[in-house]
Amino acid sequence: MKKLRLAMASHRSLPTEILAEIFVQYAAEIAEPVIHRKGPTYHRLSPFPWVLGQICSRWRHIALAEPRIWGTIGFKAVGQGGLPMLYEAFRRGGKSRLWLSASDVAGDEYIYYDFLRDVVCSQSKRITELHLFILGKTFQMFLSLPSDSFPELEAVRLAVSGSGIKRFPRYIPDSVSVFRGAVRLQRIEIDAAPLNVNPSRFPMPVLAPGDAY
C-alpha cells in the first residue's frame, strides 16, 4: 500500500474537465501580481503552463488542450530571446481572454522588432486587461491606434518611462482614438508624471496611480 500510495492519490481519479478547471483557476491566481503590479519590474513568461506539461502525459495533454491556461503573459522586451516562447504562448491561447503585461524598456539593448505590432497589436482582439510600461514614443503611437484595436478591453494601465518623457515633448495626440471602440472599458490609469494628461481627450476619467477604482 505504501508503494502504491501515489498511484492511488485522489487527483489521479479526477475527471479531466475538473483538473483543467483547477489549473485555470490557479493560473489566474498567480497572474494577479503580474498584471496589477505598480512598479516597472516584469516577470518572464509564467513558467506554470510549461512546468505543468512536464509532470505527466495526462497533465501535459491538459496544458496543451486548454487555451485559458495560456491567458496570462508578462513580457519584457529584451532583444529577441523571448519571442519564440511568447508566440508559442499566444498560439496556445487561441481566442481565449488574455491578460497582457508588457514593457518596451530594454535598457541599452536595441529592440529588433516592432513592439506594438508584434507583441501588443498581434493579440489586441482578445486582450481584456493591459498593463504597459513604455517609452514616450510608444505611448504616442499606442494612443493613436485605430478605434477597433481593443474590442474586449476592460482595464488598462500605462506607465511612461522618464527617459521617454524627456525625449518626446508631445505625449498626447490631439485625438485619442485607441479606446473609442472599447465598449467594455471600465478603467484607464496613466502614470506619466510630470505629464499633464488632458482628461477631455479620453472616453472616461483617467486615474493616477493609487486612486480608488
C-alpha atoms as a PDB file:
ATOM      1  CA  MET A   1       0.000   0.000   0.000  1.00  0.00           C
ATOM      2  CA  LYS A   2       2.858   2.366   0.810  1.00  0.00           C
ATOM      3  CA  LYS A   3       4.404   1.818  -2.621  1.00  0.00           C
ATOM      4  CA  LEU A   4       1.052   2.314  -4.340  1.00  0.00           C
ATOM      5  CA  ARG A   5       0.073   5.434  -2.348  1.00  0.00           C
ATOM      6  CA  LEU A   6       0.972   7.809  -5.191  1.00  0.00           C
ATOM      7  CA  ALA A   7      -0.834   5.683  -7.774  1.00  0.00           C
ATOM      8  CA  MET A   8      -3.960   5.812  -5.590  1.00  0.00           C
ATOM      9  CA  ALA A   9      -3.795   9.595  -4.999  1.00  0.00           C
ATOM     10  CA  SER A  10      -7.195  11.246  -5.337  1.00  0.00           C
ATOM     11  CA  HIS A  11      -6.116  13.693  -8.078  1.00  0.00           C
ATOM     12  CA  ARG A  12      -5.485  10.743 -10.393  1.00  0.00           C
ATOM     13  CA  SER A  13      -9.169   9.845 -10.377  1.00  0.00           C
ATOM     14  CA  LEU A  14     -10.470  13.365 -11.069  1.00  0.00           C
ATOM     15  CA  PRO A  15     -12.146  13.882 -14.443  1.00  0.00           C
ATOM     16  CA  THR A  16     -10.061  15.754 -16.987  1.00  0.00           C
ATOM     17  CA  GLU A  17     -12.546  18.671 -17.010  1.00  0.00           C
ATOM     18  CA  ILE A  18     -12.162  19.161 -13.227  1.00  0.00           C
ATOM     19  CA  LEU A  19      -8.375  19.089 -13.401  1.00  0.00           C
ATOM     20  CA  ALA A  20      -8.399  21.597 -16.248  1.00  0.00           C
ATOM     21  CA  GLU A  21     -10.611  23.965 -14.230  1.00  0.00           C
ATOM     22  CA  ILE A  22      -8.267  23.695 -11.224  1.00  0.00           C
ATOM     23  CA  PHE A  23      -5.295  24.566 -13.421  1.00  0.00           C
ATOM     24  CA  VAL A  24      -7.150  27.523 -14.973  1.00  0.00           C
ATOM     25  CA  GLN A  25      -8.097  28.917 -11.563  1.00  0.00           C
ATOM     26  CA  TYR A  26      -4.522  28.612 -10.326  1.00  0.00           C
ATOM     27  CA  ALA A  27      -3.145  30.287 -13.463  1.00  0.00           C
ATOM     28  CA  ALA A  28      -5.465  33.260 -12.844  1.00  0.00           C
ATOM     29  CA  GLU A  29      -4.419  33.446  -9.184  1.00  0.00           C
ATOM     30  CA  ILE A  30      -0.711  33.686  -9.897  1.00  0.00           C
ATOM     31  CA  ALA A  31      -1.446  36.186 -12.670  1.00  0.00           C
ATOM     32  CA  GLU A  32      -2.739  38.899 -10.331  1.00  0.00           C
ATOM     33  CA  PRO A  33       0.667  40.217  -9.141  1.00  0.00           C
ATOM     34  CA  VAL A  34       1.984  40.219 -12.717  1.00  0.00           C
ATOM     35  CA  ILE A  35      -0.886  42.211 -14.193  1.00  0.00           C
ATOM     36  CA  HIS A  36      -1.585  44.589 -11.308  1.00  0.00           C
ATOM     37  CA  ARG A  37       1.988  45.306 -10.254  1.00  0.00           C
ATOM     38  CA  LYS A  38       2.591  49.006  -9.589  1.00  0.00           C
ATOM     39  CA  GLY A  39       6.302  49.057 -10.367  1.00  0.00           C
ATOM     40  CA  PRO A  40       8.203  48.661 -13.638  1.00  0.00           C
ATOM     41  CA  THR A  41       9.568  45.174 -12.836  1.00  0.00           C
ATOM     42  CA  TYR A  42       8.267  42.442 -15.131  1.00  0.00           C
ATOM     43  CA  HIS A  43       8.326  38.689 -14.720  1.00  0.00           C
ATOM     44  CA  ARG A  44       9.303  36.467 -17.566  1.00  0.00           C
ATOM     45  CA  LEU A  45       6.602  34.406 -19.196  1.00  0.00           C
ATOM     46  CA  SER A  46       4.820  32.470 -16.487  1.00  0.00           C
ATOM     47  CA  PRO A  47       6.513  29.056 -16.213  1.00  0.00           C
ATOM     48  CA  PHE A  48       3.325  27.420 -14.952  1.00  0.00           C
ATOM     49  CA  PRO A  49       1.988  26.069 -18.302  1.00  0.00           C
ATOM     50  CA  TRP A  50       5.431  24.760 -19.236  1.00  0.00           C
ATOM     51  CA  VAL A  51       6.015  23.095 -15.854  1.00  0.00           C
ATOM     52  CA  LEU A  52       2.534  21.604 -15.946  1.00  0.00           C
ATOM     53  CA  GLY A  53       3.420  19.801 -19.150  1.00  0.00           C
ATOM     54  CA  GLN A  54       6.383  18.075 -17.517  1.00  0.00           C
ATOM     55  CA  ILE A  55       4.510  16.361 -14.668  1.00  0.00           C
ATOM     56  CA  CYS A  56       2.939  13.533 -16.613  1.00  0.00           C
ATOM     57  CA  SER A  57       1.455  12.820 -20.035  1.00  0.00           C
ATOM     58  CA  ARG A  58      -2.098  13.478 -18.833  1.00  0.00           C
ATOM     59  CA  TRP A  59      -1.287  16.886 -17.376  1.00  0.00           C
ATOM     60  CA  ARG A  60       0.706  17.759 -20.497  1.00  0.00           C
ATOM     61  CA  HIS A  61      -2.312  16.933 -22.642  1.00  0.00           C
ATOM     62  CA  ILE A  62      -4.493  19.199 -20.466  1.00  0.00           C
ATOM     63  CA  ALA A  63      -1.970  22.057 -20.637  1.00  0.00           C
ATOM     64  CA  LEU A  64      -1.775  21.852 -24.421  1.00  0.00           C
ATOM     65  CA  ALA A  65      -5.515  21.491 -24.917  1.00  0.00           C
ATOM     66  CA  GLU A  66      -6.774  24.225 -22.551  1.00  0.00           C
ATOM     67  CA  PRO A  67      -6.268  27.741 -24.048  1.00  0.00           C
ATOM     68  CA  ARG A  68      -7.224  29.551 -20.818  1.00  0.00           C
ATOM     69  CA  ILE A  69      -4.094  28.258 -19.074  1.00  0.00           C
ATOM     70  CA  TRP A  70      -2.064  30.360 -21.536  1.00  0.00           C
ATOM     71  CA  GLY A  71      -4.135  33.504 -20.980  1.00  0.00           C
ATOM     72  CA  THR A  72      -1.755  35.484 -18.731  1.00  0.00           C
ATOM     73  CA  ILE A  73       1.535  36.808 -20.058  1.00  0.00           C
ATOM     74  CA  GLY A  74       4.201  39.052 -18.573  1.00  0.00           C
ATOM     75  CA  PHE A  75       6.812  40.118 -21.125  1.00  0.00           C
ATOM     76  CA  LYS A  76       9.810  42.449 -21.132  1.00  0.00           C
ATOM     77  CA  ALA A  77      11.279  43.409 -24.493  1.00  0.00           C
ATOM     78  CA  VAL A  78      14.928  42.424 -24.224  1.00  0.00           C
ATOM     79  CA  GLY A  79      16.383  41.529 -27.608  1.00  0.00           C
ATOM     80  CA  GLN A  80      14.600  38.695 -29.390  1.00  0.00           C
ATOM     81  CA  GLY A  81      15.359  35.872 -26.959  1.00  0.00           C
ATOM     82  CA  GLY A  82      11.865  35.578 -25.515  1.00  0.00           C
ATOM     83  CA  LEU A  83       9.891  35.916 -28.743  1.00  0.00           C
ATOM     84  CA  PRO A  84       9.615  32.188 -29.623  1.00  0.00           C
ATOM     85  CA  MET A  85       8.125  31.371 -26.206  1.00  0.00           C
ATOM     86  CA  LEU A  86       5.895  34.436 -26.416  1.00  0.00           C
ATOM     87  CA  TYR A  87       4.496  33.452 -29.802  1.00  0.00           C
ATOM     88  CA  GLU A  88       4.016  29.863 -28.653  1.00  0.00           C
ATOM     89  CA  ALA A  89       2.019  31.089 -25.647  1.00  0.00           C
ATOM     90  CA  PHE A  90      -0.055  33.313 -27.948  1.00  0.00           C
ATOM     91  CA  ARG A  91      -0.712  30.353 -30.238  1.00  0.00           C
ATOM     92  CA  ARG A  92      -1.710  28.072 -27.373  1.00  0.00           C
ATOM     93  CA  GLY A  93      -4.057  30.734 -26.016  1.00  0.00           C
ATOM     94  CA  GLY A  94      -6.121  30.765 -29.197  1.00  0.00           C
ATOM     95  CA  LYS A  95      -9.042  33.166 -28.842  1.00  0.00           C
ATOM     96  CA  SER A  96      -9.339  32.972 -25.050  1.00  0.00           C
ATOM     97  CA  ARG A  97      -9.203  36.042 -22.790  1.00  0.00           C
ATOM     98  CA  LEU A  98      -5.719  37.497 -22.440  1.00  0.00           C
ATOM     99  CA  TRP A  99      -4.164  39.480 -19.599  1.00  0.00           C
ATOM    100  CA  LEU A 100      -1.021  41.083 -21.012  1.00  0.00           C
ATOM    101  CA  SER A 101       1.655  42.899 -19.035  1.00  0.00           C
ATOM    102  CA  ALA A 102       4.488  44.104 -21.263  1.00  0.00           C
ATOM    103  CA  SER A 103       7.389  46.561 -21.380  1.00  0.00           C
ATOM    104  CA  ASP A 104       9.385  48.004 -24.267  1.00  0.00           C
ATOM    105  CA  VAL A 105      12.020  49.476 -21.934  1.00  0.00           C
ATOM    106  CA  ALA A 106      15.003  47.285 -22.805  1.00  0.00           C
ATOM    107  CA  GLY A 107      17.818  49.299 -21.251  1.00  0.00           C
ATOM    108  CA  ASP A 108      20.767  49.701 -23.598  1.00  0.00           C
ATOM    109  CA  GLU A 109      19.660  46.879 -25.888  1.00  0.00           C
ATOM    110  CA  TYR A 110      18.053  47.657 -29.214  1.00  0.00           C
ATOM    111  CA  ILE A 111      14.703  46.028 -29.951  1.00  0.00           C
ATOM    112  CA  TYR A 112      14.888  44.337 -33.355  1.00  0.00           C
ATOM    113  CA  TYR A 113      11.125  44.133 -33.841  1.00  0.00           C
ATOM    114  CA  ASP A 114       8.057  46.353 -33.685  1.00  0.00           C
ATOM    115  CA  PHE A 115       6.906  46.175 -30.048  1.00  0.00           C
ATOM    116  CA  LEU A 116       3.357  47.447 -30.607  1.00  0.00           C
ATOM    117  CA  ARG A 117       2.750  45.436 -33.762  1.00  0.00           C
ATOM    118  CA  ASP A 118       4.388  42.139 -32.770  1.00  0.00           C
ATOM    119  CA  VAL A 119       3.597  41.998 -29.042  1.00  0.00           C
ATOM    120  CA  VAL A 120       0.509  44.114 -28.330  1.00  0.00           C
ATOM    121  CA  CYS A 121      -1.489  44.533 -31.541  1.00  0.00           C
ATOM    122  CA  SER A 122      -0.961  40.955 -32.687  1.00  0.00           C
ATOM    123  CA  GLN A 123      -3.304  39.855 -29.876  1.00  0.00           C
ATOM    124  CA  SER A 124      -5.342  43.032 -29.373  1.00  0.00           C
ATOM    125  CA  LYS A 125      -8.699  41.477 -30.300  1.00  0.00           C
ATOM    126  CA  ARG A 126      -8.658  39.210 -27.221  1.00  0.00           C
ATOM    127  CA  ILE A 127      -6.906  41.390 -24.617  1.00  0.00           C
ATOM    128  CA  THR A 128      -9.143  42.165 -21.624  1.00  0.00           C
ATOM    129  CA  GLU A 129      -6.527  43.660 -19.258  1.00  0.00           C
ATOM    130  CA  LEU A 130      -3.455  45.520 -20.462  1.00  0.00           C
ATOM    131  CA  HIS A 131      -0.531  46.899 -18.467  1.00  0.00           C
ATOM    132  CA  LEU A 132       2.221  48.636 -20.461  1.00  0.00           C
ATOM    133  CA  PHE A 133       5.468  50.179 -19.198  1.00  0.00           C
ATOM    134  CA  ILE A 134       6.647  52.058 -22.279  1.00  0.00           C
ATOM    135  CA  LEU A 135       8.737  54.859 -23.717  1.00  0.00           C
ATOM    136  CA  GLY A 136       7.207  58.204 -24.646  1.00  0.00           C
ATOM    137  CA  LYS A 137       7.287  57.496 -28.373  1.00  0.00           C
ATOM    138  CA  THR A 138       5.482  54.165 -27.915  1.00  0.00           C
ATOM    139  CA  PHE A 139       2.948  55.947 -25.698  1.00  0.00           C
ATOM    140  CA  GLN A 140       2.093  58.351 -28.505  1.00  0.00           C
ATOM    141  CA  MET A 141       1.810  55.555 -31.042  1.00  0.00           C
ATOM    142  CA  PHE A 142      -0.400  53.473 -28.749  1.00  0.00           C
ATOM    143  CA  LEU A 143      -2.893  56.297 -28.172  1.00  0.00           C
ATOM    144  CA  SER A 144      -3.124  56.812 -31.950  1.00  0.00           C
ATOM    145  CA  LEU A 145      -4.013  53.198 -32.772  1.00  0.00           C
ATOM    146  CA  PRO A 146      -7.328  52.634 -34.616  1.00  0.00           C
ATOM    147  CA  SER A 147     -10.546  52.677 -32.593  1.00  0.00           C
ATOM    148  CA  ASP A 148     -11.273  48.999 -33.271  1.00  0.00           C
ATOM    149  CA  SER A 149      -7.942  47.795 -31.865  1.00  0.00           C
ATOM    150  CA  PHE A 150      -9.168  46.523 -28.466  1.00  0.00           C
ATOM    151  CA  PRO A 151     -12.840  45.482 -28.630  1.00  0.00           C
ATOM    152  CA  GLU A 152     -12.647  43.320 -25.463  1.00  0.00           C
ATOM    153  CA  LEU A 153     -10.513  45.652 -23.316  1.00  0.00           C
ATOM    154  CA  GLU A 154     -11.840  46.162 -19.767  1.00  0.00           C
ATOM    155  CA  ALA A 155      -8.938  47.848 -17.966  1.00  0.00           C
ATOM    156  CA  VAL A 156      -5.648  49.446 -18.977  1.00  0.00           C
ATOM    157  CA  ARG A 157      -2.678  50.902 -17.127  1.00  0.00           C
ATOM    158  CA  LEU A 158       0.023  52.861 -18.950  1.00  0.00           C
ATOM    159  CA  ALA A 159       3.308  53.772 -17.275  1.00  0.00           C
ATOM    160  CA  VAL A 160       5.590  56.012 -19.330  1.00  0.00           C
ATOM    161  CA  SER A 161       9.310  55.946 -18.599  1.00  0.00           C
ATOM    162  CA  GLY A 162      11.043  59.151 -17.518  1.00  0.00           C
ATOM    163  CA  SER A 163      13.607  58.923 -20.312  1.00  0.00           C
ATOM    164  CA  GLY A 164      10.819  58.725 -22.850  1.00  0.00           C
ATOM    165  CA  ILE A 165       9.116  61.811 -21.422  1.00  0.00           C
ATOM    166  CA  LYS A 166      12.284  63.882 -21.724  1.00  0.00           C
ATOM    167  CA  ARG A 167      12.935  62.837 -25.315  1.00  0.00           C
ATOM    168  CA  PHE A 168       9.425  63.372 -26.662  1.00  0.00           C
ATOM    169  CA  PRO A 169       7.852  66.722 -25.678  1.00  0.00           C
ATOM    170  CA  ARG A 170       4.399  65.929 -27.119  1.00  0.00           C
ATOM    171  CA  TYR A 171       2.803  62.977 -25.397  1.00  0.00           C
ATOM    172  CA  ILE A 172      -0.934  63.098 -26.008  1.00  0.00           C
ATOM    173  CA  PRO A 173      -2.108  63.281 -29.635  1.00  0.00           C
ATOM    174  CA  ASP A 174      -4.886  65.744 -30.429  1.00  0.00           C
ATOM    175  CA  SER A 175      -7.277  62.836 -30.819  1.00  0.00           C
ATOM    176  CA  VAL A 176      -7.028  59.682 -28.685  1.00  0.00           C
ATOM    177  CA  SER A 177      -8.587  57.050 -30.928  1.00  0.00           C
ATOM    178  CA  VAL A 178      -7.498  53.752 -29.425  1.00  0.00           C
ATOM    179  CA  PHE A 179     -10.236  53.495 -26.772  1.00  0.00           C
ATOM    180  CA  ARG A 180     -13.240  54.563 -28.814  1.00  0.00           C
ATOM    181  CA  GLY A 181     -14.220  51.038 -29.803  1.00  0.00           C
ATOM    182  CA  ALA A 182     -13.514  49.516 -26.387  1.00  0.00           C
ATOM    183  CA  VAL A 183     -17.150  49.308 -25.274  1.00  0.00           C
ATOM    184  CA  ARG A 184     -16.268  47.156 -22.233  1.00  0.00           C
ATOM    185  CA  LEU A 185     -13.621  49.553 -20.891  1.00  0.00           C
ATOM    186  CA  GLN A 186     -14.101  50.396 -17.210  1.00  0.00           C
ATOM    187  CA  ARG A 187     -10.768  51.838 -16.057  1.00  0.00           C
ATOM    188  CA  ILE A 188      -7.908  53.883 -17.533  1.00  0.00           C
ATOM    189  CA  GLU A 189      -4.865  54.531 -15.349  1.00  0.00           C
ATOM    190  CA  ILE A 190      -1.853  56.546 -16.502  1.00  0.00           C
ATOM    191  CA  ASP A 191       1.431  57.020 -14.648  1.00  0.00           C
ATOM    192  CA  ALA A 192       3.449  59.541 -16.641  1.00  0.00           C
ATOM    193  CA  ALA A 193       4.489  62.271 -14.197  1.00  0.00           C
ATOM    194  CA  PRO A 194       5.232  65.061 -14.902  1.00  0.00           C
ATOM    195  CA  LEU A 195       2.961  64.515 -17.898  1.00  0.00           C
ATOM    196  CA  ASN A 196      -0.151  66.693 -17.802  1.00  0.00           C
ATOM    197  CA  VAL A 197      -2.963  64.487 -19.100  1.00  0.00           C
ATOM    198  CA  ASN A 198      -5.961  66.287 -20.555  1.00  0.00           C
ATOM    199  CA  PRO A 199      -8.987  64.203 -19.425  1.00  0.00           C
ATOM    200  CA  SER A 200     -11.178  65.609 -22.193  1.00  0.00           C
ATOM    201  CA  ARG A 201      -9.273  63.527 -24.752  1.00  0.00           C
ATOM    202  CA  PHE A 202     -10.248  60.244 -23.098  1.00  0.00           C
ATOM    203  CA  PRO A 203     -13.637  58.476 -23.032  1.00  0.00           C
ATOM    204  CA  MET A 204     -13.706  58.394 -19.213  1.00  0.00           C
ATOM    205  CA  PRO A 205     -11.879  59.894 -16.214  1.00  0.00           C
ATOM    206  CA  VAL A 206      -8.198  58.978 -16.093  1.00  0.00           C
ATOM    207  CA  LEU A 207      -6.890  57.644 -12.789  1.00  0.00           C
ATOM    208  CA  ALA A 208      -3.484  58.382 -11.364  1.00  0.00           C
ATOM    209  CA  PRO A 209      -1.656  55.555  -9.532  1.00  0.00           C
ATOM    210  CA  GLY A 210      -3.136  54.986  -6.095  1.00  0.00           C
ATOM    211  CA  ASP A 211      -6.571  56.439  -6.923  1.00  0.00           C
ATOM    212  CA  ALA A 212      -9.558  54.371  -5.898  1.00  0.00           C
ATOM    213  CA  TYR A 213     -11.159  52.415  -8.717  1.00  0.00           C
END
